[in-house]
Structure formats: structure tokens, C-alpha cells
N, C-alpha and C. Protein backbone atom coordinates (compact mmCIF):
# COMPACT_ATOMS: atom_id res chain seq x y z
N ALA A 1 81.13 -42.36 -27.91
CA ALA A 1 81.02 -41.90 -29.32
C ALA A 1 80.68 -42.55 -30.45
N GLY A 2 80.37 -43.69 -30.26
CA GLY A 2 79.81 -44.68 -31.49
C GLY A 2 78.25 -44.36 -31.25
N ARG A 3 77.81 -44.34 -30.36
CA ARG A 3 76.64 -43.99 -30.10
C ARG A 3 76.06 -42.92 -30.79
N LYS A 4 76.64 -41.51 -30.81
CA LYS A 4 76.62 -40.14 -31.16
C LYS A 4 76.56 -40.39 -32.49
N ALA A 5 77.92 -40.99 -33.26
CA ALA A 5 77.93 -41.29 -34.81
C ALA A 5 76.46 -41.95 -34.84
N LEU A 6 75.90 -43.09 -34.52
CA LEU A 6 74.69 -43.76 -35.01
C LEU A 6 73.70 -42.53 -34.98
N SER A 7 73.58 -41.95 -33.58
CA SER A 7 72.64 -40.78 -34.47
C SER A 7 72.45 -39.83 -34.70
N SER A 8 73.76 -39.40 -35.28
CA SER A 8 74.09 -38.69 -35.93
C SER A 8 73.56 -39.14 -37.51
N GLU A 9 74.27 -40.14 -37.65
CA GLU A 9 73.61 -41.15 -38.89
C GLU A 9 72.35 -41.64 -39.20
N PHE A 10 71.63 -41.76 -38.84
CA PHE A 10 70.20 -41.95 -38.12
C PHE A 10 69.68 -40.59 -38.53
N ARG A 11 69.84 -39.51 -38.26
CA ARG A 11 69.02 -38.14 -38.34
C ARG A 11 69.41 -37.77 -39.55
N GLU A 12 70.68 -37.77 -40.38
CA GLU A 12 70.95 -37.74 -41.68
C GLU A 12 70.45 -38.38 -42.44
N PHE A 13 70.10 -39.49 -41.82
CA PHE A 13 69.15 -40.59 -42.96
C PHE A 13 68.21 -39.83 -42.94
N VAL A 14 67.10 -39.88 -41.73
CA VAL A 14 65.86 -39.52 -41.72
C VAL A 14 65.57 -38.08 -42.40
N LYS A 15 66.36 -36.79 -42.39
CA LYS A 15 66.26 -35.91 -42.91
C LYS A 15 66.21 -36.01 -44.26
N SER A 16 67.64 -36.57 -45.21
CA SER A 16 67.68 -36.89 -46.79
C SER A 16 66.66 -37.96 -47.69
N ARG A 17 65.66 -38.50 -46.38
CA ARG A 17 64.63 -39.04 -47.18
C ARG A 17 63.23 -38.37 -46.95
N GLY A 18 63.07 -37.10 -46.19
CA GLY A 18 61.95 -36.72 -45.67
C GLY A 18 61.33 -37.09 -44.94
N LEU A 19 61.34 -38.22 -44.06
CA LEU A 19 60.79 -38.80 -43.17
C LEU A 19 60.24 -37.75 -41.78
N ALA A 20 61.24 -36.88 -41.72
CA ALA A 20 60.88 -36.00 -40.45
C ALA A 20 59.64 -35.89 -40.27
N GLY A 21 59.05 -35.21 -41.13
CA GLY A 21 57.65 -34.40 -40.94
C GLY A 21 56.56 -35.69 -40.64
N GLU A 22 57.01 -36.76 -41.09
CA GLU A 22 55.88 -37.91 -41.11
C GLU A 22 56.08 -38.54 -39.95
N LEU A 23 57.54 -38.54 -39.45
CA LEU A 23 57.70 -38.88 -37.86
C LEU A 23 57.05 -38.19 -37.04
N LYS A 24 57.04 -37.21 -37.10
CA LYS A 24 56.59 -36.27 -35.94
C LYS A 24 55.00 -36.01 -36.01
N SER A 25 54.61 -35.81 -37.52
CA SER A 25 53.26 -36.39 -37.31
C SER A 25 52.66 -37.91 -36.69
N LEU A 26 53.36 -38.65 -36.94
CA LEU A 26 52.71 -40.22 -36.24
C LEU A 26 53.03 -40.32 -34.65
N LEU A 27 53.92 -38.97 -34.10
CA LEU A 27 54.05 -38.94 -32.98
C LEU A 27 53.02 -38.67 -32.26
N ARG A 28 52.97 -37.35 -32.96
CA ARG A 28 51.40 -36.70 -32.52
C ARG A 28 50.48 -37.42 -32.48
N THR A 29 49.95 -37.97 -33.44
CA THR A 29 49.01 -38.62 -33.51
C THR A 29 48.75 -39.59 -32.73
N ARG A 30 49.59 -40.79 -32.66
CA ARG A 30 49.74 -41.96 -31.13
C ARG A 30 50.17 -41.03 -29.93
N LEU A 31 50.17 -39.45 -29.29
CA LEU A 31 50.10 -39.21 -28.29
C LEU A 31 48.68 -38.65 -27.97
N VAL A 32 48.18 -38.07 -28.96
CA VAL A 32 46.48 -37.59 -28.98
C VAL A 32 45.83 -38.81 -28.65
N GLN A 33 45.95 -39.95 -29.42
CA GLN A 33 45.49 -41.18 -29.06
C GLN A 33 45.51 -41.67 -27.84
N GLU A 34 46.67 -41.65 -27.50
CA GLU A 34 47.25 -42.21 -25.84
C GLU A 34 46.33 -41.35 -24.96
N PHE A 35 46.65 -39.85 -25.15
CA PHE A 35 45.62 -39.53 -24.50
C PHE A 35 44.33 -39.60 -24.08
N ARG A 36 43.27 -39.55 -25.18
CA ARG A 36 42.17 -40.14 -25.09
C ARG A 36 41.74 -41.14 -24.98
N ARG A 37 42.89 -42.27 -25.14
CA ARG A 37 42.33 -43.64 -24.50
C ARG A 37 42.54 -43.60 -22.55
N ARG A 38 43.38 -42.69 -22.31
CA ARG A 38 43.64 -42.71 -20.68
C ARG A 38 42.11 -41.90 -19.55
N ASP A 39 41.65 -40.90 -20.89
CA ASP A 39 40.29 -39.75 -20.58
C ASP A 39 39.46 -41.12 -20.77
N GLY A 40 39.54 -41.71 -21.47
CA GLY A 40 37.97 -42.69 -21.61
C GLY A 40 37.44 -42.15 -23.20
N LYS A 41 38.22 -41.38 -24.05
CA LYS A 41 37.53 -41.06 -24.88
C LYS A 41 38.07 -42.20 -25.98
N THR A 42 37.95 -43.08 -26.57
CA THR A 42 38.77 -43.66 -27.69
C THR A 42 38.08 -43.44 -28.98
N LYS A 43 39.61 -43.80 -30.11
CA LYS A 43 39.19 -43.06 -31.32
C LYS A 43 37.77 -43.98 -31.97
N GLU A 44 37.32 -45.20 -31.31
CA GLU A 44 36.04 -45.85 -32.40
C GLU A 44 34.97 -45.09 -31.34
N ASN A 45 34.73 -44.41 -30.10
CA ASN A 45 33.89 -43.65 -29.86
C ASN A 45 33.82 -42.59 -30.50
N LYS A 46 34.62 -41.64 -30.92
CA LYS A 46 34.17 -40.52 -31.29
C LYS A 46 34.31 -40.60 -32.96
N ALA A 47 34.25 -41.46 -33.58
CA ALA A 47 34.10 -41.97 -34.97
C ALA A 47 32.42 -42.30 -34.72
N ILE A 48 32.07 -43.28 -34.24
CA ILE A 48 30.79 -43.57 -34.03
C ILE A 48 29.89 -42.34 -33.85
N ASP A 49 29.99 -41.28 -32.80
CA ASP A 49 29.27 -40.07 -32.65
C ASP A 49 29.44 -39.09 -33.81
N MET A 50 30.38 -39.67 -35.06
CA MET A 50 30.48 -38.07 -36.09
C MET A 50 29.15 -38.40 -37.35
N SER A 51 29.15 -37.35 -37.37
CA SER A 51 28.18 -37.59 -38.44
C SER A 51 29.09 -37.76 -40.02
N LEU A 52 28.44 -37.93 -41.30
CA LEU A 52 28.94 -37.92 -42.43
C LEU A 52 29.03 -36.58 -42.87
N ARG A 53 27.87 -35.69 -42.36
CA ARG A 53 28.56 -34.19 -42.94
C ARG A 53 29.52 -33.85 -42.13
N THR A 54 30.03 -33.92 -40.79
CA THR A 54 31.24 -33.56 -40.31
C THR A 54 32.24 -34.09 -41.18
N LYS A 55 32.60 -35.23 -40.96
CA LYS A 55 33.45 -36.20 -41.61
C LYS A 55 33.76 -35.89 -43.15
N ALA A 56 32.51 -35.16 -43.77
CA ALA A 56 32.90 -34.92 -45.05
C ALA A 56 33.23 -33.53 -45.25
N LEU A 57 33.18 -32.47 -43.92
CA LEU A 57 33.59 -31.18 -43.91
C LEU A 57 35.06 -31.52 -43.28
N ILE A 58 35.19 -32.34 -42.47
CA ILE A 58 36.89 -32.49 -41.89
C ILE A 58 37.68 -32.94 -43.41
N SER A 59 36.90 -33.76 -44.25
CA SER A 59 38.10 -34.52 -45.22
C SER A 59 38.19 -33.46 -45.79
N LEU A 60 36.83 -32.24 -46.70
CA LEU A 60 37.27 -30.91 -47.14
C LEU A 60 38.75 -30.44 -46.61
N ILE A 61 38.35 -30.16 -45.56
CA ILE A 61 40.14 -29.53 -45.08
C ILE A 61 41.23 -30.44 -45.37
N GLY A 62 41.12 -31.53 -44.72
CA GLY A 62 42.12 -32.63 -44.96
C GLY A 62 42.77 -32.70 -46.57
N ASP A 63 41.55 -32.76 -47.25
CA ASP A 63 42.43 -32.51 -48.99
C ASP A 63 43.14 -31.59 -48.83
N TYR A 64 42.77 -30.14 -48.43
CA TYR A 64 43.09 -28.87 -48.69
C TYR A 64 44.60 -29.05 -48.13
N LEU A 65 44.57 -29.41 -46.91
CA LEU A 65 45.82 -29.18 -46.19
C LEU A 65 46.47 -30.50 -46.83
N LYS A 66 46.15 -31.55 -47.39
CA LYS A 66 47.14 -32.54 -47.97
C LYS A 66 47.85 -32.27 -49.42
N ARG A 67 47.08 -31.43 -49.76
CA ARG A 67 47.39 -31.01 -51.52
C ARG A 67 48.13 -29.81 -51.23
N THR A 68 48.40 -29.10 -50.31
CA THR A 68 48.83 -27.82 -49.78
C THR A 68 50.02 -28.22 -49.47
N SER A 69 51.13 -29.49 -49.18
CA SER A 69 51.74 -29.81 -48.53
C SER A 69 51.49 -29.32 -47.18
N ARG A 70 50.38 -29.06 -46.38
CA ARG A 70 50.83 -28.98 -44.97
C ARG A 70 49.89 -30.43 -43.85
N GLY A 71 50.91 -31.44 -44.16
CA GLY A 71 51.40 -32.56 -43.14
C GLY A 71 51.11 -32.39 -41.97
N LEU A 72 51.47 -31.37 -41.31
CA LEU A 72 51.83 -31.28 -39.63
C LEU A 72 50.60 -30.78 -39.46
N SER A 73 49.90 -30.05 -40.06
CA SER A 73 48.72 -29.21 -40.09
C SER A 73 47.86 -30.06 -39.47
N LEU A 74 47.32 -31.25 -40.76
CA LEU A 74 46.89 -32.11 -40.88
C LEU A 74 46.79 -33.05 -39.68
N SER A 75 48.16 -33.39 -39.22
CA SER A 75 48.36 -34.44 -38.41
C SER A 75 47.79 -33.67 -36.72
N VAL A 76 47.65 -32.64 -36.74
CA VAL A 76 46.79 -32.00 -35.40
C VAL A 76 45.35 -32.12 -35.92
N LEU A 77 44.87 -32.34 -36.95
CA LEU A 77 43.92 -31.79 -37.28
C LEU A 77 42.82 -33.27 -36.92
N LEU A 78 43.71 -34.38 -37.85
CA LEU A 78 42.75 -35.64 -37.84
C LEU A 78 42.59 -36.35 -36.54
N PRO A 79 44.08 -36.32 -35.34
CA PRO A 79 43.54 -36.96 -34.32
C PRO A 79 42.66 -36.47 -33.35
N ASP A 80 42.56 -34.93 -33.63
CA ASP A 80 41.67 -34.26 -32.93
C ASP A 80 40.26 -34.71 -32.88
N TYR A 81 40.00 -35.22 -34.36
CA TYR A 81 38.32 -35.57 -34.49
C TYR A 81 38.37 -37.03 -34.18
N GLY A 82 39.63 -37.76 -34.20
CA GLY A 82 39.66 -39.07 -34.07
C GLY A 82 39.95 -39.83 -35.36
N LEU A 83 40.03 -39.47 -36.63
CA LEU A 83 40.61 -39.73 -37.31
C LEU A 83 42.31 -40.04 -37.84
N SER A 84 42.03 -40.69 -38.93
CA SER A 84 43.43 -40.53 -39.58
C SER A 84 43.37 -40.47 -40.99
N THR A 85 44.82 -40.52 -41.51
CA THR A 85 44.44 -40.03 -42.98
C THR A 85 43.88 -41.06 -43.81
N SER A 86 43.53 -42.11 -43.51
CA SER A 86 42.90 -43.58 -44.34
C SER A 86 41.69 -42.71 -44.34
N ASP A 87 41.24 -42.24 -43.61
CA ASP A 87 39.79 -42.12 -43.20
C ASP A 87 39.12 -40.58 -43.80
N ILE A 88 40.25 -39.92 -44.61
CA ILE A 88 39.48 -38.89 -45.36
C ILE A 88 38.99 -39.55 -46.37
N LEU A 89 37.63 -39.07 -47.00
CA LEU A 89 36.82 -39.09 -48.03
C LEU A 89 37.16 -38.28 -49.03
N SER A 90 37.48 -38.96 -50.63
CA SER A 90 37.44 -38.71 -51.92
C SER A 90 36.45 -37.80 -52.33
N GLY A 91 37.43 -37.17 -53.29
CA GLY A 91 36.30 -35.74 -53.53
C GLY A 91 34.83 -36.27 -53.97
N ASP A 92 34.60 -37.60 -54.68
CA ASP A 92 33.59 -37.96 -55.14
C ASP A 92 32.58 -37.93 -53.64
N ASP A 93 33.12 -38.77 -52.99
CA ASP A 93 32.32 -39.02 -51.71
C ASP A 93 32.03 -37.54 -51.13
N ILE A 94 33.06 -36.52 -50.81
CA ILE A 94 32.68 -35.53 -50.26
C ILE A 94 31.49 -34.60 -50.75
N SER A 95 31.87 -34.48 -51.96
CA SER A 95 30.85 -33.85 -52.94
C SER A 95 29.00 -34.54 -52.54
N GLN A 96 29.44 -35.89 -52.82
CA GLN A 96 28.40 -36.35 -52.74
C GLN A 96 27.43 -36.69 -51.01
N ALA A 97 28.17 -36.44 -50.38
CA ALA A 97 27.95 -36.01 -48.42
C ALA A 97 27.09 -34.84 -48.02
N LEU A 98 28.10 -33.80 -49.46
CA LEU A 98 27.59 -32.30 -48.65
C LEU A 98 26.39 -31.96 -50.07
N GLY A 99 26.00 -32.73 -50.86
CA GLY A 99 24.83 -32.36 -51.44
C GLY A 99 25.13 -31.77 -52.74
N LEU A 100 26.79 -31.74 -52.93
CA LEU A 100 27.55 -30.83 -54.28
C LEU A 100 27.18 -31.45 -55.89
N ARG A 101 26.90 -30.63 -56.70
CA ARG A 101 26.52 -31.39 -57.67
C ARG A 101 27.72 -30.69 -58.75
N ASP A 102 27.89 -32.26 -59.30
CA ASP A 102 29.71 -31.69 -60.05
C ASP A 102 28.99 -30.97 -61.61
N SER A 103 28.29 -30.79 -62.10
CA SER A 103 27.79 -29.94 -62.70
C SER A 103 28.18 -28.05 -62.28
N TYR A 104 28.14 -27.86 -60.91
CA TYR A 104 28.39 -26.92 -60.48
C TYR A 104 29.78 -26.57 -60.37
N LEU A 105 30.52 -27.95 -60.09
CA LEU A 105 32.18 -26.96 -59.64
C LEU A 105 32.92 -27.73 -60.90
N PRO A 106 33.77 -26.43 -60.92
CA PRO A 106 34.83 -26.53 -62.15
C PRO A 106 35.38 -27.94 -61.46
N HIS A 107 35.51 -29.00 -62.38
CA HIS A 107 36.77 -30.11 -62.38
C HIS A 107 38.31 -30.02 -62.34
N ASN A 108 38.94 -29.67 -61.43
CA ASN A 108 40.19 -29.01 -62.07
C ASN A 108 41.24 -30.17 -60.85
N GLU A 109 41.72 -31.28 -61.46
CA GLU A 109 42.39 -32.03 -61.01
C GLU A 109 43.36 -31.40 -59.90
N GLY A 110 43.99 -30.34 -60.73
CA GLY A 110 45.18 -30.11 -59.77
C GLY A 110 45.27 -29.44 -58.61
N HIS A 111 43.73 -28.69 -58.47
CA HIS A 111 43.40 -27.64 -57.15
C HIS A 111 42.67 -28.82 -55.89
N PRO A 112 42.71 -28.57 -54.86
CA PRO A 112 41.96 -29.24 -53.96
C PRO A 112 40.38 -28.87 -53.94
N LEU A 113 39.85 -29.49 -53.89
CA LEU A 113 37.92 -29.67 -53.60
C LEU A 113 38.05 -28.14 -53.06
N LEU A 114 38.32 -28.02 -52.07
CA LEU A 114 37.60 -26.98 -51.72
C LEU A 114 37.71 -25.68 -52.61
N VAL A 115 39.04 -25.86 -52.90
CA VAL A 115 39.36 -24.27 -53.85
C VAL A 115 38.32 -24.52 -55.18
N ASN A 116 38.11 -25.27 -55.64
CA ASN A 116 37.03 -25.33 -56.43
C ASN A 116 35.61 -25.06 -56.36
N ILE A 117 35.30 -25.35 -54.80
CA ILE A 117 34.01 -25.31 -54.20
C ILE A 117 34.32 -23.70 -53.82
N VAL A 118 35.24 -23.15 -53.90
CA VAL A 118 35.41 -21.55 -53.74
C VAL A 118 35.34 -20.64 -54.99
N ASP A 119 35.81 -21.39 -55.68
CA ASP A 119 35.49 -20.78 -57.07
C ASP A 119 34.20 -20.92 -57.87
N ALA A 120 33.70 -21.73 -57.52
CA ALA A 120 32.08 -22.19 -58.02
C ALA A 120 31.03 -21.03 -57.05
N LEU A 121 31.60 -21.14 -56.07
CA LEU A 121 31.07 -19.73 -55.44
C LEU A 121 31.08 -18.39 -56.07
N ARG A 122 32.43 -18.17 -55.93
CA ARG A 122 32.93 -16.89 -56.71
C ARG A 122 32.14 -16.53 -57.82
N SER A 123 31.97 -17.64 -59.00
CA SER A 123 31.65 -17.59 -60.79
C SER A 123 30.37 -17.54 -60.35
N ALA A 124 29.17 -17.80 -59.21
CA ALA A 124 27.95 -18.54 -59.34
C ALA A 124 27.24 -16.56 -58.69
N THR A 125 28.24 -16.12 -57.96
CA THR A 125 28.19 -14.84 -57.49
C THR A 125 28.31 -13.91 -58.04
N GLU A 126 29.24 -13.69 -59.50
CA GLU A 126 29.44 -12.76 -60.12
C GLU A 126 28.65 -12.99 -61.21
N ALA A 127 27.95 -11.58 -61.77
CA ALA A 127 26.46 -11.90 -62.65
C ALA A 127 27.30 -11.46 -63.84
N PRO A 128 27.26 -12.40 -65.18
CA PRO A 128 27.80 -12.54 -66.04
C PRO A 128 27.79 -11.65 -66.92
N GLY A 129 28.78 -10.33 -67.48
CA GLY A 129 28.74 -9.46 -68.31
C GLY A 129 28.79 -7.74 -67.49
N THR A 130 28.47 -7.89 -65.75
CA THR A 130 28.23 -6.85 -65.72
C THR A 130 29.70 -5.93 -64.61
N GLU A 131 30.63 -6.53 -64.83
CA GLU A 131 31.65 -5.81 -64.32
C GLU A 131 31.83 -4.83 -64.93
N GLY A 132 31.92 -3.27 -64.27
CA GLY A 132 32.18 -2.17 -64.84
C GLY A 132 31.26 -1.53 -65.83
N THR A 133 30.11 -2.22 -66.15
CA THR A 133 28.88 -1.61 -67.27
C THR A 133 28.21 -1.16 -66.44
N CYS A 134 27.21 -0.05 -66.92
CA CYS A 134 26.11 0.73 -66.23
C CYS A 134 24.83 -0.05 -66.91
N VAL A 135 24.05 -0.45 -66.32
CA VAL A 135 22.82 -1.00 -66.27
C VAL A 135 21.84 -0.13 -66.55
N SER A 136 21.23 0.47 -67.90
CA SER A 136 20.16 1.33 -67.68
C SER A 136 19.24 0.97 -68.85
N VAL A 137 17.68 1.77 -68.75
CA VAL A 137 17.10 1.64 -70.25
C VAL A 137 17.13 2.87 -70.47
N GLN A 138 16.44 2.73 -72.29
CA GLN A 138 16.51 3.83 -72.98
C GLN A 138 15.60 5.02 -72.30
N THR A 139 14.37 4.49 -71.81
CA THR A 139 13.49 5.70 -70.96
C THR A 139 14.06 5.91 -69.65
N ASP A 140 15.06 5.76 -69.13
CA ASP A 140 16.07 6.19 -67.54
C ASP A 140 16.20 7.78 -68.10
N PRO A 141 15.94 8.41 -67.01
CA PRO A 141 16.19 9.88 -67.05
C PRO A 141 17.97 9.83 -67.34
N PRO A 142 18.47 11.24 -68.06
CA PRO A 142 19.60 10.91 -67.80
C PRO A 142 20.78 10.82 -66.90
N GLU A 143 20.23 10.90 -65.71
CA GLU A 143 21.13 10.78 -64.54
C GLU A 143 21.10 9.06 -64.36
N ALA A 144 20.73 8.09 -64.51
CA ALA A 144 20.76 6.99 -64.80
C ALA A 144 22.43 6.35 -65.32
N PHE A 145 22.87 7.51 -66.31
CA PHE A 145 24.45 6.69 -66.65
C PHE A 145 25.50 7.71 -66.04
N LEU A 146 25.19 8.11 -64.25
CA LEU A 146 26.12 8.42 -63.81
C LEU A 146 26.55 7.69 -62.74
N THR A 147 28.27 8.25 -62.84
CA THR A 147 28.69 6.96 -61.62
C THR A 147 28.08 6.86 -60.37
N LEU A 148 28.48 6.18 -59.59
CA LEU A 148 27.49 6.43 -58.21
C LEU A 148 28.16 8.09 -57.50
N GLU A 149 29.33 8.03 -57.45
CA GLU A 149 30.03 9.16 -57.07
C GLU A 149 29.28 10.73 -57.49
N GLU A 150 29.46 10.35 -58.87
CA GLU A 150 28.26 11.54 -59.25
C GLU A 150 26.75 11.27 -58.58
N LYS A 151 26.27 10.59 -58.56
CA LYS A 151 24.64 10.51 -58.24
C LYS A 151 24.82 10.54 -56.39
N LEU A 152 25.74 10.63 -56.09
CA LEU A 152 26.03 11.05 -54.43
C LEU A 152 25.70 12.83 -54.30
N ARG A 153 26.88 13.06 -55.35
CA ARG A 153 27.48 14.44 -55.16
C ARG A 153 25.80 15.29 -55.53
N ALA A 154 25.10 14.48 -56.92
CA ALA A 154 23.81 15.36 -57.20
C ALA A 154 22.56 15.00 -56.28
N LEU A 155 22.74 13.92 -55.38
CA LEU A 155 21.87 13.72 -54.37
C LEU A 155 22.11 15.09 -52.99
N GLU A 156 23.32 14.92 -52.61
CA GLU A 156 23.90 15.87 -51.73
C GLU A 156 23.46 17.64 -52.32
N ASP A 157 23.79 17.83 -53.28
CA ASP A 157 23.69 19.41 -53.74
C ASP A 157 22.19 19.93 -53.95
N ALA A 158 21.19 18.49 -54.52
CA ALA A 158 19.86 18.37 -54.02
C ALA A 158 18.91 18.67 -51.99
N ALA A 159 19.66 18.55 -51.70
CA ALA A 159 19.37 18.47 -49.95
C ALA A 159 19.79 19.50 -49.51
N ALA A 160 21.28 20.07 -50.43
CA ALA A 160 21.88 21.31 -49.62
C ALA A 160 20.80 22.66 -50.20
N THR A 161 19.67 22.31 -51.40
CA THR A 161 19.56 23.67 -51.94
C THR A 161 18.07 24.25 -51.49
N PRO A 162 17.40 23.13 -50.44
CA PRO A 162 16.40 24.01 -49.38
C PRO A 162 17.31 24.62 -48.28
N ALA A 163 18.82 24.52 -48.01
CA ALA A 163 19.13 24.88 -46.84
C ALA A 163 19.38 26.60 -47.31
N ARG A 164 19.79 26.39 -48.74
CA ARG A 164 20.70 28.14 -49.33
C ARG A 164 19.31 29.33 -48.69
N ASN A 165 18.36 28.68 -48.57
CA ASN A 165 17.18 30.10 -48.61
C ASN A 165 17.32 30.07 -46.82
N ASN A 166 17.71 29.47 -46.17
CA ASN A 166 17.95 29.64 -44.61
C ASN A 166 19.47 30.15 -44.62
N ASP A 167 19.31 31.55 -43.69
CA ASP A 167 20.47 32.08 -43.32
C ASP A 167 21.95 30.94 -42.74
N GLU A 168 21.23 30.22 -41.63
CA GLU A 168 22.57 29.62 -40.38
C GLU A 168 22.67 28.64 -41.64
N ASP A 169 21.80 27.73 -42.65
CA ASP A 169 22.45 26.79 -43.10
C ASP A 169 23.08 27.22 -44.31
N ARG A 170 23.23 28.38 -44.76
CA ARG A 170 23.23 29.17 -46.18
C ARG A 170 24.20 27.78 -47.16
N HIS A 171 25.49 27.45 -46.24
CA HIS A 171 26.21 26.83 -47.43
C HIS A 171 26.50 25.39 -46.62
N GLY A 172 25.56 24.90 -45.97
CA GLY A 172 25.44 23.19 -45.66
C GLY A 172 25.80 22.56 -46.53
N ARG A 173 26.56 21.47 -46.05
CA ARG A 173 26.52 20.46 -46.79
C ARG A 173 25.93 19.40 -46.09
N LEU A 174 25.49 18.54 -47.03
CA LEU A 174 24.12 17.34 -46.37
C LEU A 174 25.47 16.91 -45.15
N GLU A 175 26.69 16.35 -45.18
CA GLU A 175 27.83 15.65 -43.94
C GLU A 175 27.49 17.20 -42.43
N GLU A 176 27.49 18.25 -43.08
CA GLU A 176 27.18 19.29 -41.98
C GLU A 176 26.29 18.99 -40.82
N ARG A 177 25.04 19.29 -41.85
CA ARG A 177 23.78 18.73 -41.31
C ARG A 177 23.44 17.52 -40.78
N MET A 178 24.15 16.48 -41.07
CA MET A 178 24.04 15.12 -40.37
C MET A 178 24.84 14.99 -39.15
N LEU A 179 25.55 16.06 -38.91
CA LEU A 179 26.54 15.87 -37.97
C LEU A 179 25.78 16.85 -36.62
N ARG A 180 24.89 17.67 -36.86
CA ARG A 180 23.90 18.77 -36.04
C ARG A 180 23.13 17.53 -35.49
């Protein structure tokens, strides 16, 4: 009975301190390392073979998992590559290893570096001021100001015009003729 009480008290202590996730993570890491050691694949051999770019990419993902409170996922990822949390590169080291310039990245300390990179890519691919605007020149024909749907409808009508002279394609639309 004393053993059950001690076990129960220990369980409550671990839960109250939030140590359960860390202990599970540590156990997973140690198990993976032990299996690798038995197979002859030690952590040291794996780390030597890893390129800086690979380590930077894993660190980028690891930083994201750590900052989004995904410690359990991180505890599976890192041992798979023979790394530990102390092996994760800093944001500056990741940027340098991947050849990213700080001037291109929005520097938001509250967000993971991966989110900053995605935001920078998104803003780089969006042309400034082109959202919902029609780009045309004064010398363009009036059709230049039509929406895409209006342009497609005009194209369809123009393609159907020659068919009006033919009796069997009298009222054929572009879709009908494409199906034939």
C-alpha cells in the first residue's frame, strides 16, 4: 500500500511540475540512441556525416517546433538525426548557413525563423499595389479594362461567331465544340 501511495505521489508531482513531457522526450531520445548503438550507428558517426545545410534545416524545423510548444515532436525529430536540443543552431547561424540575408527577413523575435522566412517569401512574391487593380495603358483597347470573366466570354463569343454560318454548329458554344 505504501508503494502505491509513493507511486501516486510521484505521478502527481511530475504532473504538477509539467515534467511528464520532458521525461517522455528524454526516454524516447535514450531509446533511439540505444537502438542505434546496437545497430552500430552511433550519434557521433551520424553527426560527422551531416552537412551544415542539413543541420541548419533541421534546426529551422526544430526552432519552429520548440517555439510552438511541440516538444514531443521535437523529441522524435532530433534523435532521428542523431542530435539533441543543444545541437540546434541559433537563428543567426541558421540564416548564415542557408545564405539568407537579414535585410530580406522580417525580424520578429516573437515568431519562429521559419515563419519569418515564409512571410518574407510571401511578401517577395506579391507585387506591390497590384491586388485587385487592372494594369493597362492609355493606348490599350477598351477590352483591357474588362475582367477576366468578361474577356473569356468575349473570346468565346468571337469563336462562336464563325459557327453561326454553319447550320450544324449554329448555336454551338466553345465548350461544345471542344468536347467533339
